């Protein structure tokens, strides 16, 4: 962690760090949802294969299932949140750097 010239600069940096960590948490949840989707798709493919259902029909059945839709919705939701948190963290880092540069000229 860098040294700070003011309490305001330190607060902006700390907020940015907290937002970045929250974004990482959201990305981990998005990755878990994607992994759920991939696992479910493979399990569905194997189940359909055992029943003699073609791969394309298995694909259609999986895409129409509630589990598939829920996993993709969770993934999209958490990626959106992560993007929002990363954007807010970027703004907060920029504020801290601005405050640092402004403090250097005084």
C-alpha atoms as a PDB file:
ATOM      1  CA  UNK A   1       0.000   0.000   0.000  1.00  0.00           C
ATOM      2  CA  UNK A   2       1.395   3.416  -0.888  1.00  0.00           C
ATOM      3  CA  UNK A   3       2.026   6.199   1.584  1.00  0.00           C
ATOM      4  CA  UNK A   4      -0.650   8.852   1.693  1.00  0.00           C
ATOM      5  CA  UNK A   5      -0.461  12.613   1.813  1.00  0.00           C
ATOM      6  CA  UNK A   6      -3.919  13.122   3.316  1.00  0.00           C
ATOM      7  CA  UNK A   7      -6.731  11.342   5.071  1.00  0.00           C
ATOM      8  CA  UNK A   8      -8.990  11.972   2.064  1.00  0.00           C
ATOM      9  CA  UNK A   9      -6.492  10.249  -0.235  1.00  0.00           C
ATOM     10  CA  UNK A  10      -6.222   7.290   2.143  1.00  0.00           C
ATOM     11  CA  UNK A  11     -10.020   6.981   2.309  1.00  0.00           C
ATOM     12  CA  UNK A  12     -10.337   7.007  -1.496  1.00  0.00           C
ATOM     13  CA  UNK A  13      -7.661   4.311  -1.795  1.00  0.00           C
ATOM     14  CA  UNK A  14      -9.261   2.166   0.923  1.00  0.00           C
ATOM     15  CA  UNK A  15     -12.658   2.439  -0.798  1.00  0.00           C
ATOM     16  CA  UNK A  16     -11.086   1.404  -4.104  1.00  0.00           C
ATOM     17  CA  UNK A  17      -9.480  -1.633  -2.457  1.00  0.00           C
ATOM     18  CA  UNK A  18     -12.788  -2.666  -0.877  1.00  0.00           C
ATOM     19  CA  UNK A  19     -14.630  -2.271  -4.192  1.00  0.00           C
ATOM     20  CA  UNK A  20     -11.977  -4.312  -5.991  1.00  0.00           C
ATOM     21  CA  UNK A  21     -12.342  -7.124  -3.468  1.00  0.00           C
ATOM     22  CA  UNK A  22     -16.121  -7.045  -3.876  1.00  0.00           C
ATOM     23  CA  UNK A  23     -15.671  -7.256  -7.661  1.00  0.00           C
ATOM     24  CA  UNK A  24     -13.406 -10.288  -7.247  1.00  0.00           C
ATOM     25  CA  UNK A  25     -16.059 -11.941  -5.087  1.00  0.00           C
ATOM     26  CA  UNK A  26     -18.677 -11.325  -7.779  1.00  0.00           C
ATOM     27  CA  UNK A  27     -16.366 -12.812 -10.428  1.00  0.00           C
ATOM     28  CA  UNK A  28     -15.835 -15.932  -8.316  1.00  0.00           C
ATOM     29  CA  UNK A  29     -19.621 -16.325  -8.071  1.00  0.00           C
ATOM     30  CA  UNK A  30     -19.946 -15.820 -11.835  1.00  0.00           C
ATOM     31  CA  UNK A  31     -17.297 -18.486 -12.421  1.00  0.00           C
ATOM     32  CA  UNK A  32     -19.128 -20.868 -10.082  1.00  0.00           C
ATOM     33  CA  UNK A  33     -22.374 -20.312 -12.007  1.00  0.00           C
ATOM     34  CA  UNK A  34     -20.609 -20.961 -15.306  1.00  0.00           C
ATOM     35  CA  UNK A  35     -19.081 -24.141 -13.908  1.00  0.00           C
ATOM     36  CA  UNK A  36     -22.554 -25.250 -12.764  1.00  0.00           C
ATOM     37  CA  UNK A  37     -23.829 -24.661 -16.288  1.00  0.00           C
ATOM     38  CA  UNK A  38     -20.964 -26.619 -17.882  1.00  0.00           C
ATOM     39  CA  UNK A  39     -21.333 -29.523 -15.454  1.00  0.00           C
ATOM     40  CA  UNK A  40     -25.091 -29.656 -15.946  1.00  0.00           C
ATOM     41  CA  UNK A  41     -24.716 -29.582 -19.705  1.00  0.00           C
ATOM     42  CA  UNK A  42     -22.278 -32.494 -19.649  1.00  0.00           C
ATOM     43  CA  UNK A  43     -24.436 -34.508 -17.244  1.00  0.00           C
ATOM     44  CA  UNK A  44     -27.477 -33.891 -19.435  1.00  0.00           C
ATOM     45  CA  UNK A  45     -25.530 -34.953 -22.547  1.00  0.00           C
ATOM     46  CA  UNK A  46     -24.473 -38.208 -20.873  1.00  0.00           C
ATOM     47  CA  UNK A  47     -27.981 -38.904 -19.603  1.00  0.00           C
ATOM     48  CA  UNK A  48     -29.448 -38.336 -23.050  1.00  0.00           C
ATOM     49  CA  UNK A  49     -26.732 -40.454 -24.655  1.00  0.00           C
ATOM     50  CA  UNK A  50     -27.675 -43.366 -22.381  1.00  0.00           C
ATOM     51  CA  UNK A  51     -31.319 -42.974 -23.428  1.00  0.00           C
ATOM     52  CA  UNK A  52     -30.408 -42.889 -27.114  1.00  0.00           C
ATOM     53  CA  UNK A  53     -31.209 -39.190 -27.577  1.00  0.00           C
ATOM     54  CA  UNK A  54     -29.049 -37.384 -30.124  1.00  0.00           C
ATOM     55  CA  UNK A  55     -26.479 -34.786 -29.084  1.00  0.00           C
ATOM     56  CA  UNK A  56     -28.386 -31.959 -30.775  1.00  0.00           C
ATOM     57  CA  UNK A  57     -31.619 -32.905 -28.968  1.00  0.00           C
ATOM     58  CA  UNK A  58     -29.706 -33.115 -25.698  1.00  0.00           C
ATOM     59  CA  UNK A  59     -28.379 -29.624 -26.361  1.00  0.00           C
ATOM     60  CA  UNK A  60     -31.895 -28.312 -26.988  1.00  0.00           C
ATOM     61  CA  UNK A  61     -33.245 -29.984 -23.846  1.00  0.00           C
ATOM     62  CA  UNK A  62     -30.441 -28.530 -21.725  1.00  0.00           C
ATOM     63  CA  UNK A  63     -30.914 -25.027 -23.126  1.00  0.00           C
ATOM     64  CA  UNK A  64     -34.626 -25.180 -22.298  1.00  0.00           C
ATOM     65  CA  UNK A  65     -34.129 -26.441 -18.740  1.00  0.00           C
ATOM     66  CA  UNK A  66     -34.620 -24.266 -15.664  1.00  0.00           C
ATOM     67  CA  UNK A  67     -31.188 -25.244 -14.314  1.00  0.00           C
ATOM     68  CA  UNK A  68     -29.502 -24.028 -17.490  1.00  0.00           C
ATOM     69  CA  UNK A  69     -31.390 -20.747 -17.502  1.00  0.00           C
ATOM     70  CA  UNK A  70     -30.735 -20.152 -13.794  1.00  0.00           C
ATOM     71  CA  UNK A  71     -27.008 -20.789 -14.143  1.00  0.00           C
ATOM     72  CA  UNK A  72     -26.709 -18.431 -17.123  1.00  0.00           C
ATOM     73  CA  UNK A  73     -28.785 -15.779 -15.370  1.00  0.00           C
ATOM     74  CA  UNK A  74     -26.594 -16.025 -12.256  1.00  0.00           C
ATOM     75  CA  UNK A  75     -23.471 -15.785 -14.396  1.00  0.00           C
ATOM     76  CA  UNK A  76     -24.715 -12.696 -16.250  1.00  0.00           C
ATOM     77  CA  UNK A  77     -25.900 -11.036 -13.041  1.00  0.00           C
ATOM     78  CA  UNK A  78     -22.613 -11.526 -11.221  1.00  0.00           C
ATOM     79  CA  UNK A  79     -20.513 -10.455 -14.214  1.00  0.00           C
ATOM     80  CA  UNK A  80     -22.615  -7.283 -14.378  1.00  0.00           C
ATOM     81  CA  UNK A  81     -22.062  -6.604 -10.694  1.00  0.00           C
ATOM     82  CA  UNK A  82     -18.337  -7.265 -11.006  1.00  0.00           C
ATOM     83  CA  UNK A  83     -18.151  -4.823 -13.905  1.00  0.00           C
ATOM     84  CA  UNK A  84     -19.949  -2.199 -11.838  1.00  0.00           C
ATOM     85  CA  UNK A  85     -17.663  -2.710  -8.830  1.00  0.00           C
ATOM     86  CA  UNK A  86     -14.508  -2.643 -10.982  1.00  0.00           C
ATOM     87  CA  UNK A  87     -15.704   0.607 -12.572  1.00  0.00           C
ATOM     88  CA  UNK A  88     -16.372   2.174  -9.185  1.00  0.00           C
ATOM     89  CA  UNK A  89     -12.967   1.000  -7.935  1.00  0.00           C
ATOM     90  CA  UNK A  90     -11.299   2.550 -10.968  1.00  0.00           C
ATOM     91  CA  UNK A  91     -12.993   5.872 -10.231  1.00  0.00           C
ATOM     92  CA  UNK A  92     -11.911   5.693  -6.602  1.00  0.00           C
ATOM     93  CA  UNK A  93      -8.301   4.856  -7.533  1.00  0.00           C
ATOM     94  CA  UNK A  94      -8.358   7.801  -9.939  1.00  0.00           C
ATOM     95  CA  UNK A  95      -9.634  10.054  -7.170  1.00  0.00           C
ATOM     96  CA  UNK A  96      -6.843   8.925  -4.853  1.00  0.00           C
ATOM     97  CA  UNK A  97      -4.251   9.579  -7.555  1.00  0.00           C
ATOM     98  CA  UNK A  98      -5.789  12.966  -8.300  1.00  0.00           C
ATOM     99  CA  UNK A  99      -5.674  13.897  -4.614  1.00  0.00           C
ATOM    100  CA  UNK A 100      -2.038  12.761  -4.484  1.00  0.00           C
ATOM    101  CA  UNK A 101      -1.073  14.866  -7.502  1.00  0.00           C
ATOM    102  CA  UNK A 102      -2.973  17.882  -6.176  1.00  0.00           C
ATOM    103  CA  UNK A 103      -1.285  17.556  -2.787  1.00  0.00           C
ATOM    104  CA  UNK A 104       2.165  17.566  -4.347  1.00  0.00           C
ATOM    105  CA  UNK A 105       1.778  21.108  -5.719  1.00  0.00           C
ATOM    106  CA  UNK A 106       0.861  22.732  -2.401  1.00  0.00           C
END
